[in-house]
């Protein structure tokens, strides 16, 4: 394959092939990320209902989830190259129609092998929808509209994560679990129609196909897929004590090593790793990883605490996240656009990460009595963090990226988008599990038979069951006391989880402090509307 400079990925301002109706093209690629984000959230929350309806075991459900997301990460890094080679219309229309058919079919399937295969195809189609978004925005719209379009892209991440809990309840409780899939089938054809109306029918670049670095793309896609599957299954199977996880992680690492060798020796590499080695780009990627970890205070810690400790259902949690995280974004994202037009993206990053740090710090005051209302101040800080941080990271990334190596840069961004999220989830899940076990052991050491305090507590929790007989009351009292110990151990673990997100936000602030100013150009406040710079 030719290098990025030769693939037609010139700087977006050049716009060599404008769509006939650019707004339709942009609508198509913006609708895709919303479909991906909503489905991912719906599937994660509704998986228990899906397993029950399809008669799946816990293990089968876990592998179904892994297969659907791992296949996304396999195809996503190559999508920008494919868009330059076969054109946006071909890239979007066929996968969108296939996605619609598979989404309609999945609820009727009862064979697990076929179900797994359909989820892999489902994930491959989803993996196409997001990566080409920025390329189409930058090549189809005039520069003054780039920030608003990017803001819509950034908005969907937090909005879908927080509105999804309320919406999935409507799907599962009112319409039926099948609508976790069928809802997508209604939106996907609209995306295909927008792509047909808005994207020019471009000829296939057969020269690029002949010179493609197929080996590099296959090695990279397969390698990160295996690594993702190992991370996704690690907590469930016991990490390196599991042969399956060990094989997945070692196999993925070996393929990535082979990919790096391939990129070093082939005459026209697809995605040389040197594209991420510049100071600002490297620091930006690390800061983005910190953002992913600290944002888990919202998508993981709050709903999981209310589910595990307070025993609330999604419909009881949803209004908190919808009203105090998702809806405020409607105001906060435009504010971020205004700020980024006037001040350096690094200052906006500082504001956003500081909001997440404040949310994490407030979360360390957690007690077992906290209900959804107690989380309102934290949710508002998290909304501010989302509204400011993600868009600022995107702007800073594009301001510092080399336009001649856009394809390679896009490949690594997609790895960060999906792989970074999985690293964050694996980290926080393992952290909570280990800390809960530690606190259960420490608290249990103070629950000693014969101790006056323990005897008094046991008598209190046993009293309500005395009418059922002394033996039953004693057994129920002991189980209740054990449940109280587990509850408090969970509370302490979640407090440590909030501390982890707080320190991740502080580390992100340190990384931002190390960043230098972006080169003058269309993504910097000084010259955003000035002619394109020469680099």
Protein backbone atom coordinates (compact mmCIF):
# COMPACT_ATOMS: atom_id res chain seq x y z
CA UNK A 1 0.00 0.00 0.00
CA UNK A 2 1.10 3.51 -0.58
CA UNK A 3 1.93 5.83 2.26
CA UNK A 4 -0.81 8.06 3.62
CA UNK A 5 0.40 11.01 1.63
CA UNK A 6 -0.34 9.11 -1.57
CA UNK A 7 -3.74 7.66 -0.70
CA UNK A 8 -5.83 10.71 -1.33
CA UNK A 9 -5.81 11.58 2.38
CA UNK A 10 -4.62 15.09 1.79
CA UNK A 11 -5.53 17.72 4.30
CA UNK A 12 -9.31 18.11 4.45
CA UNK A 13 -9.12 21.71 3.34
CA UNK A 14 -8.03 20.45 -0.11
CA UNK A 15 -11.36 18.58 -0.51
CA UNK A 16 -10.54 16.91 -3.85
CA UNK A 17 -13.87 15.10 -4.14
CA UNK A 18 -16.77 17.00 -2.64
CA UNK A 19 -20.09 15.17 -2.19
CA UNK A 20 -23.10 16.31 -4.17
CA UNK A 21 -25.02 17.06 -0.97
CA UNK A 22 -22.42 17.32 1.77
CA UNK A 23 -24.93 17.75 4.60
CA UNK A 24 -26.45 14.35 3.81
CA UNK A 25 -23.00 12.76 3.85
CA UNK A 26 -22.24 14.33 7.22
CA UNK A 27 -25.66 13.26 8.53
CA UNK A 28 -24.88 9.69 7.52
CA UNK A 29 -21.55 9.52 9.31
CA UNK A 30 -22.85 11.33 12.39
CA UNK A 31 -25.82 8.97 12.65
CA UNK A 32 -23.42 6.02 12.60
CA UNK A 33 -21.65 6.89 15.89
CA UNK A 34 -25.02 7.41 17.60
CA UNK A 35 -26.14 3.96 16.45
CA UNK A 36 -22.89 2.40 17.67
CA UNK A 37 -22.96 4.12 21.05
CA UNK A 38 -26.62 3.46 21.74
CA UNK A 39 -26.37 -0.19 20.73
CA UNK A 40 -23.28 -0.75 22.86
CA UNK A 41 -25.00 0.78 25.89
CA UNK A 42 -28.31 -0.99 25.27
CA UNK A 43 -26.60 -4.34 24.81
CA UNK A 44 -24.48 -3.99 27.96
CA UNK A 45 -27.47 -3.07 30.13
CA UNK A 46 -29.95 -5.45 28.49
CA UNK A 47 -27.62 -8.46 28.30
CA UNK A 48 -29.24 -10.11 31.33
CA UNK A 49 -32.66 -9.94 29.66
CA UNK A 50 -31.22 -11.17 26.36
CA UNK A 51 -29.57 -14.15 28.08
CA UNK A 52 -32.81 -15.01 29.84
CA UNK A 53 -34.89 -14.77 26.65
CA UNK A 54 -32.44 -16.84 24.58
CA UNK A 55 -31.62 -19.32 27.35
CA UNK A 56 -27.91 -18.46 27.44
CA UNK A 57 -25.56 -19.27 30.30
CA UNK A 58 -23.39 -16.61 31.94
CA UNK A 59 -20.33 -17.78 29.96
CA UNK A 60 -22.22 -17.79 26.66
CA UNK A 61 -23.47 -14.27 27.28
CA UNK A 62 -19.96 -13.06 28.14
CA UNK A 63 -18.51 -14.47 24.92
CA UNK A 64 -21.40 -12.99 22.93
CA UNK A 65 -20.48 -9.56 24.29
CA UNK A 66 -16.77 -10.08 23.57
CA UNK A 67 -17.42 -11.28 20.01
CA UNK A 68 -19.61 -8.28 19.18
CA UNK A 69 -17.05 -5.71 20.34
CA UNK A 70 -13.84 -7.53 19.33
CA UNK A 71 -15.02 -7.69 15.73
CA UNK A 72 -15.50 -3.91 15.80
CA UNK A 73 -11.90 -3.35 16.81
CA UNK A 74 -10.70 -5.74 14.11
CA UNK A 75 -12.10 -3.69 11.24
CA UNK A 76 -12.06 -0.15 12.66
CA UNK A 77 -8.36 0.74 12.13
CA UNK A 78 -8.58 0.03 8.38
CA UNK A 79 -11.81 1.96 7.71
CA UNK A 80 -10.15 5.31 6.88
CA UNK A 81 -7.95 3.55 4.29
CA UNK A 82 -10.97 1.71 2.88
CA UNK A 83 -12.90 4.97 2.60
CA UNK A 84 -10.08 6.48 0.54
CA UNK A 85 -9.90 3.37 -1.63
CA UNK A 86 -13.51 2.41 -2.37
CA UNK A 87 -15.31 5.66 -1.48
CA UNK A 88 -17.71 6.62 1.29
CA UNK A 89 -20.85 5.46 -0.50
CA UNK A 90 -19.64 1.91 -1.08
CA UNK A 91 -18.13 1.73 2.39
CA UNK A 92 -21.35 2.72 4.17
CA UNK A 93 -24.25 1.41 2.11
CA UNK A 94 -23.50 -2.32 1.90
CA UNK A 95 -22.51 -2.75 5.60
CA UNK A 96 -25.53 -0.69 6.67
CA UNK A 97 -27.96 -2.90 4.77
CA UNK A 98 -26.24 -6.04 6.07
CA UNK A 99 -26.40 -4.62 9.60
CA UNK A 100 -30.14 -4.06 9.21
CA UNK A 101 -30.74 -7.65 8.10
CA UNK A 102 -28.63 -9.12 10.91
CA UNK A 103 -30.30 -6.89 13.53
CA UNK A 104 -33.72 -8.08 12.40
CA UNK A 105 -32.65 -11.73 12.39
CA UNK A 106 -30.80 -12.09 15.72
CA UNK A 107 -33.87 -12.22 18.03
CA UNK A 108 -35.23 -15.21 16.07
CA UNK A 109 -32.04 -17.31 16.34
CA UNK A 110 -31.76 -20.04 18.96
CA UNK A 111 -28.57 -21.83 17.83
CA UNK A 112 -25.70 -20.44 19.91
CA UNK A 113 -23.09 -20.99 17.19
CA UNK A 114 -25.20 -19.09 14.66
CA UNK A 115 -25.93 -16.41 17.27
CA UNK A 116 -22.20 -15.96 17.88
CA UNK A 117 -21.50 -15.75 14.14
CA UNK A 118 -24.25 -13.15 13.65
CA UNK A 119 -22.89 -11.04 16.50
CA UNK A 120 -19.45 -11.11 14.88
CA UNK A 121 -20.96 -9.88 11.59
CA UNK A 122 -23.02 -7.35 13.57
CA UNK A 123 -19.83 -6.04 15.21
CA UNK A 124 -17.93 -5.85 11.92
CA UNK A 125 -20.66 -3.63 10.49
CA UNK A 126 -20.70 -1.44 13.60
CA UNK A 127 -16.92 -1.13 13.32
CA UNK A 128 -17.33 0.61 9.96
CA UNK A 129 -19.71 3.34 11.13
CA UNK A 130 -17.51 5.45 13.43
CA UNK A 131 -13.94 5.70 12.02
CA UNK A 132 -14.71 7.54 8.78
CA UNK A 133 -16.76 10.22 10.53
CA UNK A 134 -14.04 12.81 11.00
CA UNK A 135 -12.65 12.33 7.51
CA UNK A 136 -16.06 12.98 5.94
CA UNK A 137 -16.71 16.00 8.17
CA UNK A 138 -13.39 17.60 7.32
CA UNK A 139 -13.65 16.88 3.61
CA UNK A 140 -17.32 17.80 3.17
CA UNK A 141 -17.89 20.93 5.26
CA UNK A 142 -16.29 24.37 5.19
CA UNK A 143 -13.90 24.99 8.10
CA UNK A 144 -16.33 27.16 10.07
CA UNK A 145 -18.60 24.11 10.49
CA UNK A 146 -15.91 21.66 11.59
CA UNK A 147 -16.17 22.44 15.29
CA UNK A 148 -19.98 22.18 15.49
CA UNK A 149 -19.93 18.88 13.60
CA UNK A 150 -17.15 17.54 15.81
CA UNK A 151 -19.13 18.72 18.84
CA UNK A 152 -22.08 16.57 17.74
CA UNK A 153 -19.72 13.63 17.44
CA UNK A 154 -18.34 14.28 20.92
CA UNK A 155 -21.81 14.89 22.36
CA UNK A 156 -23.04 11.41 21.47
CA UNK A 157 -20.43 9.67 23.66
CA UNK A 158 -21.66 10.97 27.01
CA UNK A 159 -25.28 11.43 25.96
CA UNK A 160 -25.77 7.83 24.84
CA UNK A 161 -23.90 6.46 27.86
CA UNK A 162 -26.18 8.30 30.27
CA UNK A 163 -29.47 8.37 28.37
CA UNK A 164 -29.10 4.72 27.42
CA UNK A 165 -30.07 3.42 30.85
CA UNK A 166 -33.46 5.14 30.67
CA UNK A 167 -34.08 4.20 27.05
CA UNK A 168 -33.15 0.55 27.44
CA UNK A 169 -35.77 0.28 30.16
CA UNK A 170 -38.38 1.38 27.60
CA UNK A 171 -37.07 -1.23 25.18
CA UNK A 172 -36.87 -4.13 27.61
CA UNK A 173 -39.81 -3.43 29.93
CA UNK A 174 -42.28 -1.92 27.46
CA UNK A 175 -41.47 -2.96 23.88
CA UNK A 176 -39.51 -6.15 24.50
CA UNK A 177 -35.81 -7.11 24.57
CA UNK A 178 -35.85 -7.65 20.79
CA UNK A 179 -35.86 -3.87 20.32
CA UNK A 180 -32.27 -3.74 21.57
CA UNK A 181 -31.59 -4.98 18.01
CA UNK A 182 -34.67 -3.86 16.09
CA UNK A 183 -34.28 -0.22 17.11
CA UNK A 184 -31.02 -0.16 15.16
CA UNK A 185 -32.75 -1.73 12.16
CA UNK A 186 -35.00 1.33 11.95
CA UNK A 187 -32.13 3.84 11.99
CA UNK A 188 -29.56 2.05 9.84
CA UNK A 189 -31.51 2.35 6.53
CA UNK A 190 -31.80 6.10 7.15
CA UNK A 191 -28.00 6.23 7.39
CA UNK A 192 -27.71 4.31 4.11
CA UNK A 193 -30.13 6.73 2.43
CA UNK A 194 -28.14 9.74 3.65
CA UNK A 195 -24.93 8.15 2.35
CA UNK A 196 -26.52 7.56 -1.06
CA UNK A 197 -27.83 11.12 -1.27
CA UNK A 198 -24.76 12.86 0.09
CA UNK A 199 -21.68 10.95 -1.08
CA UNK A 200 -20.32 11.09 -4.59
CA UNK A 201 -20.04 7.77 -6.40
CA UNK A 202 -16.24 7.55 -6.57
CA UNK A 203 -14.34 5.04 -8.71
CA UNK A 204 -12.45 2.32 -6.89
CA UNK A 205 -8.74 3.07 -6.68
CA UNK A 206 -7.40 -0.22 -8.03
CA UNK A 207 -3.83 1.02 -7.86
CA UNK A 208 -4.10 1.39 -4.09
CA UNK A 209 -5.72 -2.03 -3.83
CA UNK A 210 -2.83 -3.63 -5.72
CA UNK A 211 -0.22 -1.95 -3.54
CA UNK A 212 -2.06 -2.38 -0.26
CA UNK A 213 -0.20 -3.47 2.86
CA UNK A 214 -2.63 -6.34 3.46
CA UNK A 215 -0.19 -8.11 5.76
CA UNK A 216 0.09 -5.09 8.02
CA UNK A 217 -3.67 -4.57 8.21
CA UNK A 218 -4.37 -8.24 8.94
CA UNK A 219 -1.63 -8.54 11.56
CA UNK A 220 -2.71 -5.34 13.31
CA UNK A 221 -6.44 -6.12 13.23
CA UNK A 222 -5.99 -9.71 14.42
CA UNK A 223 -3.46 -8.71 17.09
CA UNK A 224 -5.56 -6.02 18.74
CA UNK A 225 -8.64 -8.26 18.49
CA UNK A 226 -6.91 -11.01 20.49
CA UNK A 227 -5.62 -8.49 23.03
CA UNK A 228 -9.10 -7.03 23.40
CA UNK A 229 -10.67 -10.47 23.90
CA UNK A 230 -8.04 -11.31 26.53
CA UNK A 231 -8.72 -8.08 28.41
CA UNK A 232 -12.49 -8.50 28.13
CA UNK A 233 -12.42 -12.04 29.50
CA UNK A 234 -9.59 -11.49 31.97
CA UNK A 235 -11.62 -10.67 35.07
CA UNK A 236 -14.13 -13.44 34.47
CA UNK A 237 -11.55 -16.16 33.85
CA UNK A 238 -8.88 -15.10 36.35
CA UNK A 239 -6.34 -13.36 34.11
CA UNK A 240 -3.06 -15.25 33.69
CA UNK A 241 -4.29 -18.22 35.71
CA UNK A 242 -6.55 -18.96 32.73
CA UNK A 243 -4.99 -20.68 29.73
CA UNK A 244 -7.54 -19.03 27.44
CA UNK A 245 -6.66 -15.51 28.57
CA UNK A 246 -2.94 -16.29 28.46
CA UNK A 247 -3.18 -17.56 24.88
CA UNK A 248 -5.24 -14.55 23.79
CA UNK A 249 -2.86 -12.00 25.33
CA UNK A 250 0.35 -13.72 24.21
CA UNK A 251 -1.03 -14.38 20.73
CA UNK A 252 -2.14 -10.77 20.38
CA UNK A 253 1.24 -9.45 21.58
CA UNK A 254 3.05 -11.71 19.10
CA UNK A 255 0.91 -10.51 16.18
CA UNK A 256 1.43 -6.85 17.13
CA UNK A 257 5.19 -7.48 17.27
CA UNK A 258 4.99 -9.05 13.81
CA UNK A 259 3.00 -6.03 12.61
CA UNK A 260 5.71 -3.62 13.81
CA UNK A 261 8.36 -5.69 11.99
CA UNK A 262 6.18 -5.71 8.87
CA UNK A 263 5.77 -1.94 8.93
CA UNK A 264 9.53 -1.51 9.29
CA UNK A 265 10.43 -3.67 6.27
CA UNK A 266 7.64 -3.25 3.68
CA UNK A 267 8.33 -0.56 1.08
CA UNK A 268 4.98 1.20 1.55
CA UNK A 269 3.74 0.66 5.12
CA UNK A 270 0.11 1.23 6.06
CA UNK A 271 0.39 2.54 9.64
CA UNK A 272 3.91 3.16 10.89
CA UNK A 273 4.01 3.55 14.66
CA UNK A 274 6.18 6.65 14.35
CA UNK A 275 3.01 8.65 13.64
CA UNK A 276 2.23 8.66 17.40
CA UNK A 277 5.76 9.39 18.60
CA UNK A 278 5.71 13.16 18.35
CA UNK A 279 5.61 14.90 21.73
CA UNK A 280 2.17 16.48 21.51
CA UNK A 281 0.49 13.47 19.88
CA UNK A 282 1.98 11.04 22.41
CA UNK A 283 0.96 13.22 25.36
CA UNK A 284 -2.50 13.69 23.85
CA UNK A 285 -3.02 9.92 23.55
CA UNK A 286 -1.96 9.40 27.17
CA UNK A 287 -4.22 12.24 28.32
CA UNK A 288 -7.08 10.65 26.35
CA UNK A 289 -6.45 7.38 28.20
CA UNK A 290 -6.62 9.29 31.50
CA UNK A 291 -9.92 10.80 30.34
CA UNK A 292 -11.27 7.33 29.59
CA UNK A 293 -10.31 6.07 33.06
CA UNK A 294 -11.58 9.10 34.98
CA UNK A 295 -14.87 9.11 33.03
CA UNK A 296 -15.58 5.63 34.39
CA UNK A 297 -16.63 7.40 37.60
CA UNK A 298 -19.79 8.09 35.59
CA UNK A 299 -20.44 5.05 33.39
CA UNK A 300 -19.20 2.38 35.83
CA UNK A 301 -18.97 3.54 39.43
CA UNK A 302 -22.29 5.37 39.94
CA UNK A 303 -24.64 2.87 38.23
CA UNK A 304 -22.75 -0.16 39.55
CA UNK A 305 -22.77 1.18 43.11
CA UNK A 306 -26.49 1.86 42.98
CA UNK A 307 -27.07 -1.62 41.55
CA UNK A 308 -24.72 -3.61 43.80
CA UNK A 309 -25.09 -1.73 47.10
CA UNK A 310 -28.50 -0.06 46.92
CA UNK A 311 -30.09 -2.89 44.87
CA UNK A 312 -31.72 -0.47 42.41
CA UNK A 313 -32.90 -1.39 38.92
CA UNK A 314 -31.88 0.53 35.76
CA UNK A 315 -35.19 2.41 35.61
CA UNK A 316 -34.48 3.76 39.10
CA UNK A 317 -30.97 4.88 38.15
CA UNK A 318 -31.72 6.23 34.67
CA UNK A 319 -33.34 9.56 35.63
CA UNK A 320 -30.24 10.62 37.61
CA UNK A 321 -27.91 10.11 34.66
CA UNK A 322 -30.35 11.44 32.09
CA UNK A 323 -31.33 14.61 33.95
CA UNK A 324 -27.99 15.57 35.49
CA UNK A 325 -25.39 14.28 32.99
CA UNK A 326 -27.00 13.80 29.57
CA UNK A 327 -29.34 16.79 29.36
CA UNK A 328 -26.86 19.42 30.68
CA UNK A 329 -24.61 18.43 27.77
CA UNK A 330 -27.04 20.22 25.46
CA UNK A 331 -25.79 23.46 27.03
CA UNK A 332 -22.21 22.45 27.89
CA UNK A 333 -21.12 21.22 24.44
CA UNK A 334 -21.96 24.56 22.72
CA UNK A 335 -20.06 26.31 25.52
CA UNK A 336 -17.07 24.09 24.70
CA UNK A 337 -17.33 25.08 21.02
CA UNK A 338 -17.33 28.79 21.95
CA UNK A 339 -14.33 28.33 24.24
CA UNK A 340 -12.35 26.37 21.66
CA UNK A 341 -12.89 29.11 19.10
CA UNK A 342 -11.31 31.62 21.47
CA UNK A 343 -8.76 29.90 23.71
CA UNK A 344 -6.15 27.17 23.48
CA UNK A 345 -7.56 23.63 23.65
CA UNK A 346 -5.18 22.87 26.52
CA UNK A 347 -7.02 25.34 28.78
CA UNK A 348 -10.34 23.69 27.95
CA UNK A 349 -8.75 20.33 28.73
CA UNK A 350 -7.69 21.64 32.12
CA UNK A 351 -11.24 22.75 32.86
CA UNK A 352 -12.70 19.41 31.83
CA UNK A 353 -10.22 17.22 33.70
CA UNK A 354 -10.57 19.44 36.77
CA UNK A 355 -14.34 18.83 36.70
CA UNK A 356 -13.73 15.08 36.60
CA UNK A 357 -11.22 15.39 39.45
CA UNK A 358 -13.84 17.24 41.52
CA UNK A 359 -16.38 14.50 40.78
CA UNK A 360 -13.92 11.80 41.85
CA UNK A 361 -13.05 13.66 45.04
CA UNK A 362 -16.73 14.07 45.96
CA UNK A 363 -17.21 10.36 45.37
CA UNK A 364 -14.65 9.49 48.05
CA UNK A 365 -17.21 10.68 50.66
CA UNK A 366 -19.48 7.78 49.67
CA UNK A 367 -21.50 5.86 52.29
CA UNK A 368 -23.94 2.97 52.05
CA UNK A 369 -26.81 5.43 52.59
CA UNK A 370 -26.23 7.30 49.33
CA UNK A 371 -29.21 7.18 46.97
CA UNK A 372 -29.45 8.66 43.44
CA UNK A 373 -30.18 12.16 44.80
CA UNK A 374 -26.87 12.17 46.71
CA UNK A 375 -25.00 11.75 43.41
CA UNK A 376 -26.46 14.88 41.77
CA UNK A 377 -23.43 17.18 42.44
CA UNK A 378 -21.07 14.47 41.16
CA UNK A 379 -23.21 13.96 38.05
CA UNK A 380 -23.14 17.70 37.25
CA UNK A 381 -19.34 17.79 37.52
CA UNK A 382 -19.14 14.71 35.30
CA UNK A 383 -21.37 16.36 32.72
CA UNK A 384 -19.04 19.39 32.67
CA UNK A 385 -16.06 17.06 32.34
CA UNK A 386 -17.59 15.26 29.36
CA UNK A 387 -18.75 18.45 27.67
CA UNK A 388 -15.30 20.06 27.77
CA UNK A 389 -12.72 17.27 27.73
CA UNK A 390 -13.55 15.02 24.78
CA UNK A 391 -14.05 17.80 22.24
CA UNK A 392 -10.87 19.55 23.43
CA UNK A 393 -8.90 16.31 22.98
CA UNK A 394 -10.23 15.95 19.43
CA UNK A 395 -9.37 19.54 18.51
CA UNK A 396 -5.87 19.28 19.96
CA UNK A 397 -5.30 15.96 18.15
CA UNK A 398 -6.26 17.39 14.75
CA UNK A 399 -4.27 20.56 15.37
CA UNK A 400 -1.11 18.52 15.91
CA UNK A 401 -1.64 15.66 13.46
CA UNK A 402 0.32 15.41 10.22
CA UNK A 403 -2.26 15.57 7.40
CA UNK A 404 0.02 13.51 5.14
CA UNK A 405 -0.22 10.57 7.57
CA UNK A 406 -3.94 10.77 8.30
CA UNK A 407 -4.63 7.10 7.54
CA UNK A 408 -2.01 5.85 9.99
CA UNK A 409 -3.14 8.31 12.65
CA UNK A 410 -6.76 7.20 12.24
CA UNK A 411 -5.75 3.56 12.77
CA UNK A 412 -4.21 4.28 16.17
CA UNK A 413 -7.06 6.58 17.20
CA UNK A 414 -9.50 3.71 16.64
CA UNK A 415 -7.37 1.43 18.81
CA UNK A 416 -7.48 4.05 21.55
CA UNK A 417 -11.24 4.51 21.15
CA UNK A 418 -12.09 0.83 21.61
CA UNK A 419 -8.97 -0.64 23.19
CA UNK A 420 -8.48 2.26 25.61
CA UNK A 421 -12.06 1.90 26.80
CA UNK A 422 -11.51 -1.81 27.40
CA UNK A 423 -8.27 -1.13 29.30
CA UNK A 424 -10.14 1.32 31.50
CA UNK A 425 -13.01 -1.09 32.16
CA UNK A 426 -10.61 -3.96 32.90
CA UNK A 427 -8.62 -1.73 35.24
CA UNK A 428 -11.60 -0.46 37.22
CA UNK A 429 -13.27 -3.89 37.36
CA UNK A 430 -10.13 -5.58 38.63
CA UNK A 431 -9.51 -2.74 41.07
CA UNK A 432 -13.01 -3.01 42.54
CA UNK A 433 -12.86 -6.80 42.79
CA UNK A 434 -9.46 -6.87 44.50
CA UNK A 435 -10.31 -4.02 46.88
CA UNK A 436 -13.65 -5.61 47.82
CA UNK A 437 -11.88 -8.89 48.62
CA UNK A 438 -9.27 -7.04 50.67
CA UNK A 439 -11.85 -5.09 52.66
CA UNK A 440 -14.02 -8.18 53.18
CA UNK A 441 -11.01 -9.90 54.71
CA UNK A 442 -10.07 -6.90 56.86
CA UNK A 443 -13.61 -6.30 58.10
CA UNK A 444 -14.14 -10.01 58.68
CA UNK A 445 -11.17 -10.08 61.06
CA UNK A 446 -13.16 -7.82 63.39
CA UNK A 447 -16.27 -10.01 63.31
CA UNK A 448 -15.25 -12.49 66.02
CA UNK A 449 -17.64 -14.86 67.80
CA UNK A 450 -18.14 -13.81 71.41
CA UNK A 451 -17.14 -10.19 70.86
CA UNK A 452 -19.59 -7.89 72.66
CA UNK A 453 -20.15 -5.65 69.66
CA UNK A 454 -20.63 -8.59 67.32
CA UNK A 455 -23.03 -10.27 69.76
CA UNK A 456 -25.10 -7.10 70.03
CA UNK A 457 -25.19 -6.60 66.24
CA UNK A 458 -26.14 -10.25 65.73
CA UNK A 459 -28.99 -9.97 68.22
CA UNK A 460 -30.32 -6.89 66.43
CA UNK A 461 -30.35 -8.51 62.97
CA UNK A 462 -31.68 -11.83 64.38
CA UNK A 463 -34.66 -10.32 66.20
CA UNK A 464 -36.93 -9.88 63.13
CA UNK A 465 -36.70 -13.63 62.38
CA UNK A 466 -37.40 -15.04 65.88
CA UNK A 467 -41.01 -15.78 64.98
CA UNK A 468 -39.76 -18.44 62.55
CA UNK A 469 -37.90 -20.39 65.25
CA UNK A 470 -34.51 -20.01 66.89
CA UNK A 471 -32.59 -22.13 64.36
CA UNK A 472 -33.96 -20.27 61.36
CA UNK A 473 -33.52 -16.93 63.11
CA UNK A 474 -29.88 -17.71 63.94
CA UNK A 475 -29.10 -18.74 60.36
CA UNK A 476 -30.88 -15.70 58.90
CA UNK A 477 -29.16 -13.40 61.38
CA UNK A 478 -25.72 -14.73 60.45
CA UNK A 479 -26.43 -14.35 56.72
CA UNK A 480 -27.71 -10.81 57.28
CA UNK A 481 -24.58 -9.88 59.24
CA UNK A 482 -22.38 -11.37 56.50
CA UNK A 483 -24.33 -9.36 53.88
CA UNK A 484 -23.74 -6.18 55.89
CA UNK A 485 -20.00 -6.91 55.94
CA UNK A 486 -20.01 -7.47 52.17
CA UNK A 487 -22.00 -4.27 51.65
CA UNK A 488 -19.53 -2.16 53.62
CA UNK A 489 -16.61 -3.85 51.85
CA UNK A 490 -18.23 -2.89 48.55
CA UNK A 491 -18.69 0.70 49.72
CA UNK A 492 -15.01 0.94 50.65
CA UNK A 493 -14.04 -0.58 47.29
CA UNK A 494 -16.14 2.01 45.42
CA UNK A 495 -14.53 4.78 47.47
CA UNK A 496 -11.16 3.48 46.26
CA UNK A 497 -12.60 3.42 42.74
CA UNK A 498 -13.42 7.12 42.99
CA UNK A 499 -9.90 7.74 44.29
CA UNK A 500 -8.54 5.95 41.22
CA UNK A 501 -10.55 8.17 38.89
CA UNK A 502 -9.44 11.25 40.84
CA UNK A 503 -5.76 10.35 40.42
CA UNK A 504 -6.32 9.56 36.73
CA UNK A 505 -7.71 13.09 36.27
CA UNK A 506 -4.71 14.59 38.08
CA UNK A 507 -2.32 12.58 35.90
CA UNK A 508 -4.18 13.91 32.87
CA UNK A 509 -3.65 17.46 34.12
CA UNK A 510 0.08 16.80 34.49
CA UNK A 511 0.21 15.51 30.90
CA UNK A 512 -1.63 18.61 29.65
CA UNK A 513 0.92 20.79 31.46
CA UNK A 514 3.68 19.03 29.48
CA UNK A 515 2.02 19.70 26.11
CA UNK A 516 3.28 22.51 23.93
CA UNK A 517 1.15 24.87 21.88
CA UNK A 518 -0.22 23.57 18.60
CA UNK A 519 1.18 24.80 15.27
CA UNK A 520 -0.84 27.66 13.80
CA UNK A 521 -3.59 26.40 11.59
CA UNK A 522 -7.31 25.87 11.13
CA UNK A 523 -7.67 24.21 14.53
CA UNK A 524 -5.95 26.91 16.56
CA UNK A 525 -7.89 29.95 17.82
CA UNK A 526 -5.51 32.50 16.29
CA UNK A 527 -5.97 31.40 12.69
CA UNK A 528 -9.00 29.13 12.62
CA UNK A 529 -10.43 30.98 9.64
CA UNK A 530 -7.11 31.81 8.03
CA UNK A 531 -5.77 30.09 4.90
CA UNK A 532 -4.25 26.64 5.29
CA UNK A 533 -0.75 26.61 6.71
CA UNK A 534 2.18 25.02 4.94
CA UNK A 535 3.79 22.33 7.08
